[in-house]
Amino acid sequence: MSTADTLRTEGQARAVRLGPRSVAALVLVSAVGVAAFGWPLLAGPGAGTAHAQDAPWLFAALLPLLLAVVVATIADSGLDAKAIAMLGVLAAAGAALRPLGAGTAGIEPMFFLMVLSGRVLGPGFGFVLGSLAMFASALLTGGVGPWMPFQMLAMGWVSLGAGLLPGADRLRGRREVLMLAGYGAVASLLYGTVMNLQGWPYIGTLATGVSFVPGDPLPDNLARFVAYCLATSLGWDLPRAAVTVGGTLALGPVVLAALRRATRRAAFEARVAFEGPGRKEAPPPSAGGSATAAE
């Protein structure tokens, strides 16, 4: 196989590709997530705005929605046992990385792995992977609480966004790593900002200039929210972004190559061609990207 063929195969070897059903499922679960994060901003003054009550319902809705993403992807692109196995391995690896720094100044080394995995394996795979990795890490670290379904959604968006970055089939080398490092930094900051929406309503009863005030005009609450983020979480978000950038720059080329090699050897989405008697069989999937069977 020539170098050009190798690059083309690596670029196209994705465990999960988005089709119409997958897009619809992802739009649905993302819409539910946006509503869950943002509804306190529109709640009336008499509404209970803390997420302790609605989090179990969100978690109960999130699991079937994640299953719907997987089922839709199976219908669109034929997700097989090899993709499921890779999903489990990467989710376990992400869950194992998180305790190395979680709870210490926002250092979370799992972010760079979720970004790189979403880049190679696509947005659909990335969303499910990010959500499952965060779920597994919560069980591993004992971090189960009303914040968990929100963490699952936010991490799913981080990996999904990496899969939607441009140049998936063409961009390689240092430029790709720099792009992923920049995305990782922005995604790490946005993750902290989005997660603040989950915790911010809890301080609505405190008489401070950054408190959430149910029923206040949206611009006033947004101004308090910005002040809250600057005062409370920036010291966590910046180290998270720095670790993500450092991990991507240091390990990105190796991890990207390993993931692309794994997807290429697993021959995701390998096409099967049937030939008549006496014709030569096409190269195996690892060499030519298609599987052939004699008629």
Protein backbone atom coordinates (compact mmCIF):
# COMPACT_ATOMS: atom_id res chain seq x y z
CA MET A 1 0.00 0.00 0.00
CA SER A 2 1.34 3.42 -0.92
CA THR A 3 1.75 6.26 1.54
CA ALA A 4 -1.23 8.07 0.04
CA ASP A 5 -3.39 4.96 0.36
CA THR A 6 -2.29 4.55 3.98
CA LEU A 7 -3.22 8.11 4.85
CA ARG A 8 -6.54 7.77 3.07
CA THR A 9 -7.34 4.54 4.90
CA GLU A 10 -6.35 6.01 8.26
CA GLY A 11 -8.50 9.06 7.66
CA GLN A 12 -11.55 7.02 6.78
CA ALA A 13 -11.20 4.29 9.43
CA ARG A 14 -13.83 5.35 11.91
CA ALA A 15 -15.65 3.04 14.26
CA VAL A 16 -18.82 5.12 14.13
CA ARG A 17 -19.98 7.32 11.29
CA LEU A 18 -22.88 9.73 11.53
CA GLY A 19 -25.95 9.03 9.44
CA PRO A 20 -29.41 10.61 9.51
CA ARG A 21 -30.59 8.52 12.46
CA SER A 22 -27.39 9.16 14.42
CA VAL A 23 -27.63 12.90 13.83
CA ALA A 24 -31.26 12.91 14.96
CA ALA A 25 -30.39 10.98 18.13
CA LEU A 26 -27.47 13.29 18.95
CA VAL A 27 -29.57 16.39 18.34
CA LEU A 28 -32.25 14.99 20.66
CA VAL A 29 -29.88 14.14 23.51
CA SER A 30 -28.08 17.48 23.12
CA ALA A 31 -31.37 19.38 23.21
CA VAL A 32 -32.31 17.58 26.42
CA GLY A 33 -28.88 18.48 27.84
CA VAL A 34 -29.16 22.16 26.90
CA ALA A 35 -32.60 22.34 28.49
CA ALA A 36 -31.35 20.62 31.64
CA PHE A 37 -28.41 22.97 32.02
CA GLY A 38 -30.21 26.18 31.16
CA TRP A 39 -33.72 25.92 32.58
CA PRO A 40 -32.89 27.59 35.93
CA LEU A 41 -32.12 30.81 34.03
CA LEU A 42 -35.73 30.93 32.88
CA ALA A 43 -37.35 29.62 36.07
CA GLY A 44 -39.75 31.77 38.04
CA PRO A 45 -38.96 33.08 41.53
CA GLY A 46 -41.03 30.36 43.20
CA ALA A 47 -39.43 27.44 41.35
CA GLY A 48 -37.00 25.10 42.99
CA THR A 49 -33.84 25.56 40.94
CA ALA A 50 -31.32 23.22 42.53
CA HIS A 51 -30.60 20.14 40.46
CA ALA A 52 -30.75 17.66 43.33
CA GLN A 53 -34.36 16.82 42.47
CA ASP A 54 -34.20 16.72 38.68
CA ALA A 55 -30.79 15.01 38.30
CA PRO A 56 -32.16 11.47 38.81
CA TRP A 57 -34.75 12.11 36.12
CA LEU A 58 -32.09 13.46 33.77
CA PHE A 59 -29.92 10.40 34.42
CA ALA A 60 -32.89 8.11 33.78
CA ALA A 61 -33.52 9.88 30.46
CA LEU A 62 -29.84 10.04 29.51
CA LEU A 63 -29.18 6.29 29.54
CA PRO A 64 -31.87 5.37 26.99
CA LEU A 65 -30.85 8.37 24.89
CA LEU A 66 -27.25 7.12 24.81
CA LEU A 67 -28.58 3.71 23.85
CA ALA A 68 -30.60 5.41 21.13
CA VAL A 69 -27.40 6.97 19.74
CA VAL A 70 -25.77 3.54 19.59
CA VAL A 71 -28.83 1.88 18.04
CA ALA A 72 -29.15 4.68 15.47
CA THR A 73 -25.49 4.30 14.60
CA ILE A 74 -25.93 0.54 14.15
CA ALA A 75 -28.78 1.26 11.75
CA ASP A 76 -26.73 3.85 9.86
CA SER A 77 -23.28 2.27 9.67
CA GLY A 78 -23.31 -1.21 11.16
CA LEU A 79 -21.57 -0.83 14.50
CA ASP A 80 -20.09 -4.23 15.32
CA ALA A 81 -18.49 -6.08 18.23
CA LYS A 82 -15.05 -4.64 17.48
CA ALA A 83 -16.34 -1.09 17.88
CA ILE A 84 -18.09 -2.04 21.12
CA ALA A 85 -14.85 -3.58 22.41
CA MET A 86 -12.87 -0.44 21.55
CA LEU A 87 -15.54 1.68 23.21
CA GLY A 88 -15.16 -0.33 26.42
CA VAL A 89 -11.36 -0.21 26.39
CA LEU A 90 -11.19 3.55 25.83
CA ALA A 91 -13.93 4.26 28.39
CA ALA A 92 -12.02 2.20 30.95
CA ALA A 93 -8.77 4.02 30.09
CA GLY A 94 -10.45 7.41 30.49
CA ALA A 95 -12.00 6.36 33.80
CA ALA A 96 -8.59 5.18 35.04
CA LEU A 97 -6.92 8.46 34.06
CA ARG A 98 -9.35 10.73 35.87
CA PRO A 99 -8.45 9.75 39.46
CA LEU A 100 -4.82 10.71 38.75
CA GLY A 101 -5.74 14.36 39.09
CA ALA A 102 -9.45 14.80 39.79
CA GLY A 103 -10.02 17.00 42.79
CA THR A 104 -6.57 18.60 42.58
CA ALA A 105 -6.77 22.12 41.13
CA GLY A 106 -8.91 20.91 38.22
CA ILE A 107 -6.20 18.68 36.77
CA GLU A 108 -8.00 16.01 34.74
CA PRO A 109 -5.73 14.05 32.38
CA MET A 110 -8.63 12.14 30.83
CA PHE A 111 -9.54 15.16 28.69
CA PHE A 112 -6.73 14.79 26.17
CA LEU A 113 -7.60 11.11 25.60
CA MET A 114 -11.27 11.96 25.01
CA VAL A 115 -10.29 14.67 22.52
CA LEU A 116 -7.91 12.40 20.59
CA SER A 117 -10.37 9.49 20.59
CA GLY A 118 -13.20 11.67 19.33
CA ARG A 119 -10.94 12.99 16.58
CA VAL A 120 -10.00 9.56 15.24
CA LEU A 121 -13.20 7.63 15.87
CA GLY A 122 -15.78 10.23 14.95
CA PRO A 123 -18.42 12.37 16.68
CA GLY A 124 -20.97 9.62 17.33
CA PHE A 125 -18.42 7.30 18.91
CA GLY A 126 -16.91 10.28 20.74
CA PHE A 127 -20.16 11.35 22.37
CA VAL A 128 -20.96 7.87 23.66
CA LEU A 129 -17.34 7.36 24.75
CA GLY A 130 -17.15 10.63 26.68
CA SER A 131 -20.41 9.95 28.49
CA LEU A 132 -19.53 6.37 29.40
CA ALA A 133 -15.99 7.29 30.51
CA MET A 134 -17.35 9.93 32.86
CA PHE A 135 -19.96 7.49 34.19
CA ALA A 136 -17.30 4.82 34.82
CA SER A 137 -14.97 7.32 36.49
CA ALA A 138 -17.77 8.47 38.80
CA LEU A 139 -18.30 4.88 39.92
CA LEU A 140 -14.56 4.39 40.32
CA THR A 141 -13.98 7.52 42.40
CA GLY A 142 -17.25 7.54 44.31
CA GLY A 143 -18.25 10.77 42.59
CA VAL A 144 -21.90 9.81 42.16
CA GLY A 145 -24.26 12.70 42.81
CA PRO A 146 -26.68 15.09 41.13
CA TRP A 147 -23.79 16.45 39.05
CA MET A 148 -22.99 13.11 37.37
CA PRO A 149 -25.49 13.18 34.46
CA PHE A 150 -24.41 16.74 33.71
CA GLN A 151 -20.75 15.66 33.66
CA MET A 152 -21.66 12.82 31.29
CA LEU A 153 -23.37 15.22 28.89
CA ALA A 154 -20.58 17.80 29.04
CA MET A 155 -17.82 15.25 28.44
CA GLY A 156 -19.84 13.73 25.60
CA TRP A 157 -19.95 17.16 23.96
CA VAL A 158 -16.18 17.55 24.38
CA SER A 159 -15.49 14.32 22.47
CA LEU A 160 -18.23 14.97 19.93
CA GLY A 161 -16.74 18.37 19.13
CA ALA A 162 -13.32 16.82 18.50
CA GLY A 163 -14.91 14.46 15.99
CA LEU A 164 -16.47 17.40 14.14
CA LEU A 165 -13.19 19.28 13.65
CA PRO A 166 -12.22 19.81 10.00
CA GLY A 167 -9.64 17.84 8.06
CA ALA A 168 -10.36 14.40 9.51
CA ASP A 169 -9.36 12.70 6.24
CA ARG A 170 -6.48 14.98 5.25
CA LEU A 171 -4.88 16.91 8.10
CA ARG A 172 -1.98 15.07 9.74
CA GLY A 173 1.22 15.77 11.61
CA ARG A 174 2.08 18.82 13.66
CA ARG A 175 -0.75 20.97 12.34
CA GLU A 176 -3.34 18.43 13.44
CA VAL A 177 -1.78 18.11 16.90
CA LEU A 178 -1.70 21.90 17.31
CA MET A 179 -5.34 22.14 16.23
CA LEU A 180 -6.34 19.45 18.74
CA ALA A 181 -4.32 21.13 21.49
CA GLY A 182 -6.10 24.43 20.81
CA TYR A 183 -9.47 22.71 20.76
CA GLY A 184 -8.62 20.86 23.98
CA ALA A 185 -7.83 24.13 25.73
CA VAL A 186 -11.08 25.76 24.62
CA ALA A 187 -13.13 22.63 25.39
CA SER A 188 -11.61 22.36 28.88
CA LEU A 189 -12.59 25.94 29.67
CA LEU A 190 -16.07 25.51 28.22
CA TYR A 191 -16.55 22.28 30.16
CA GLY A 192 -15.94 24.15 33.41
CA THR A 193 -18.25 26.97 32.34
CA VAL A 194 -21.08 24.60 31.39
CA MET A 195 -20.68 22.63 34.61
CA ASN A 196 -20.97 25.89 36.56
CA LEU A 197 -24.52 26.12 35.28
CA GLN A 198 -25.20 22.90 37.17
CA GLY A 199 -23.76 24.11 40.49
CA TRP A 200 -24.58 27.81 40.37
CA PRO A 201 -28.30 27.56 41.30
CA TYR A 202 -27.28 25.95 44.62
CA ILE A 203 -26.00 29.29 45.86
CA GLY A 204 -29.18 31.15 44.92
CA THR A 205 -30.03 31.76 48.56
CA LEU A 206 -26.70 33.41 49.37
CA ALA A 207 -26.63 37.18 49.55
CA THR A 208 -23.61 37.79 47.32
CA GLY A 209 -22.99 39.66 44.10
CA VAL A 210 -22.50 36.41 42.19
CA SER A 211 -25.56 34.56 43.47
CA PHE A 212 -28.25 33.18 41.23
CA VAL A 213 -31.55 35.03 41.74
CA PRO A 214 -34.55 33.02 40.51
CA GLY A 215 -36.93 35.13 38.46
CA ASP A 216 -34.49 37.99 37.84
CA PRO A 217 -34.08 39.24 34.24
CA LEU A 218 -31.86 36.97 32.16
CA PRO A 219 -29.17 39.65 31.46
CA ASP A 220 -28.78 40.30 35.20
CA ASN A 221 -28.39 36.62 36.00
CA LEU A 222 -25.94 36.14 33.12
CA ALA A 223 -23.82 39.00 34.45
CA ARG A 224 -23.75 37.34 37.88
CA PHE A 225 -22.91 34.02 36.24
CA VAL A 226 -19.88 35.48 34.47
CA ALA A 227 -18.69 36.97 37.75
CA TYR A 228 -19.28 33.62 39.46
CA CYS A 229 -17.16 31.79 36.87
CA LEU A 230 -14.31 34.28 37.18
CA ALA A 231 -14.40 34.19 40.97
CA THR A 232 -14.80 30.49 41.61
CA SER A 233 -13.83 28.18 38.75
CA LEU A 234 -11.18 29.86 36.62
CA GLY A 235 -8.46 28.55 38.91
CA TRP A 236 -9.67 25.02 38.10
CA ASP A 237 -10.41 25.50 34.42
CA LEU A 238 -7.01 26.93 33.49
CA PRO A 239 -4.99 24.00 34.95
CA ARG A 240 -7.36 21.57 33.23
CA ALA A 241 -6.74 23.35 29.93
CA ALA A 242 -2.97 23.39 30.51
CA VAL A 243 -2.86 19.66 31.26
CA THR A 244 -4.98 18.91 28.18
CA VAL A 245 -2.70 20.97 25.96
CA GLY A 246 0.43 19.42 27.47
CA GLY A 247 -0.89 15.87 27.12
CA THR A 248 -1.98 16.48 23.53
CA LEU A 249 1.35 17.97 22.48
CA ALA A 250 3.43 15.33 24.27
CA LEU A 251 1.41 12.20 23.56
CA GLY A 252 -0.87 13.24 20.73
CA PRO A 253 1.17 11.88 17.78
CA VAL A 254 1.67 8.50 19.47
CA VAL A 255 -1.94 8.12 20.61
CA LEU A 256 -3.37 9.25 17.26
CA ALA A 257 -1.16 6.78 15.40
CA ALA A 258 -2.12 3.95 17.76
CA LEU A 259 -5.85 4.67 17.47
CA ARG A 260 -5.69 4.90 13.68
CA ARG A 261 -3.68 1.70 13.49
CA ALA A 262 -6.24 -0.07 15.69
CA THR A 263 -9.20 1.08 13.60
CA ARG A 264 -7.41 0.18 10.39
CA ARG A 265 -6.59 -3.34 11.57
CA ALA A 266 -10.08 -3.83 12.93
CA ALA A 267 -11.33 -2.94 9.43
CA PHE A 268 -14.37 -0.96 10.61
CA GLU A 269 -16.89 -0.54 7.83
CA ALA A 270 -14.97 -2.95 5.57
CA ARG A 271 -16.85 -3.48 2.35
CA VAL A 272 -17.52 -6.98 1.10
CA ALA A 273 -17.26 -7.61 -2.64
CA PHE A 274 -18.34 -10.86 -4.31
CA GLU A 275 -16.46 -11.97 -7.41
CA GLY A 276 -17.17 -14.63 -9.98
CA PRO A 277 -15.31 -17.96 -10.28
CA GLY A 278 -11.72 -17.79 -11.44
CA ARG A 279 -11.12 -14.21 -10.33
CA LYS A 280 -8.47 -13.29 -7.84
CA GLU A 281 -9.48 -12.37 -4.35
CA ALA A 282 -9.04 -8.74 -3.39
CA PRO A 283 -6.42 -7.87 -0.70
CA PRO A 284 -7.43 -8.39 2.93
CA PRO A 285 -8.91 -5.43 4.85
CA SER A 286 -5.61 -4.53 6.50
CA ALA A 287 -3.97 -4.08 3.10
CA GLY A 288 -6.68 -2.71 0.87
CA GLY A 289 -9.57 -1.67 3.09
CA SER A 290 -12.10 -4.19 1.68
CA ALA A 291 -12.96 -7.77 2.43
CA THR A 292 -13.61 -10.15 -0.46
CA ALA A 293 -15.34 -13.49 -0.53
CA ALA A 294 -15.49 -15.91 -3.45
CA GLU A 295 -18.94 -16.58 -4.76
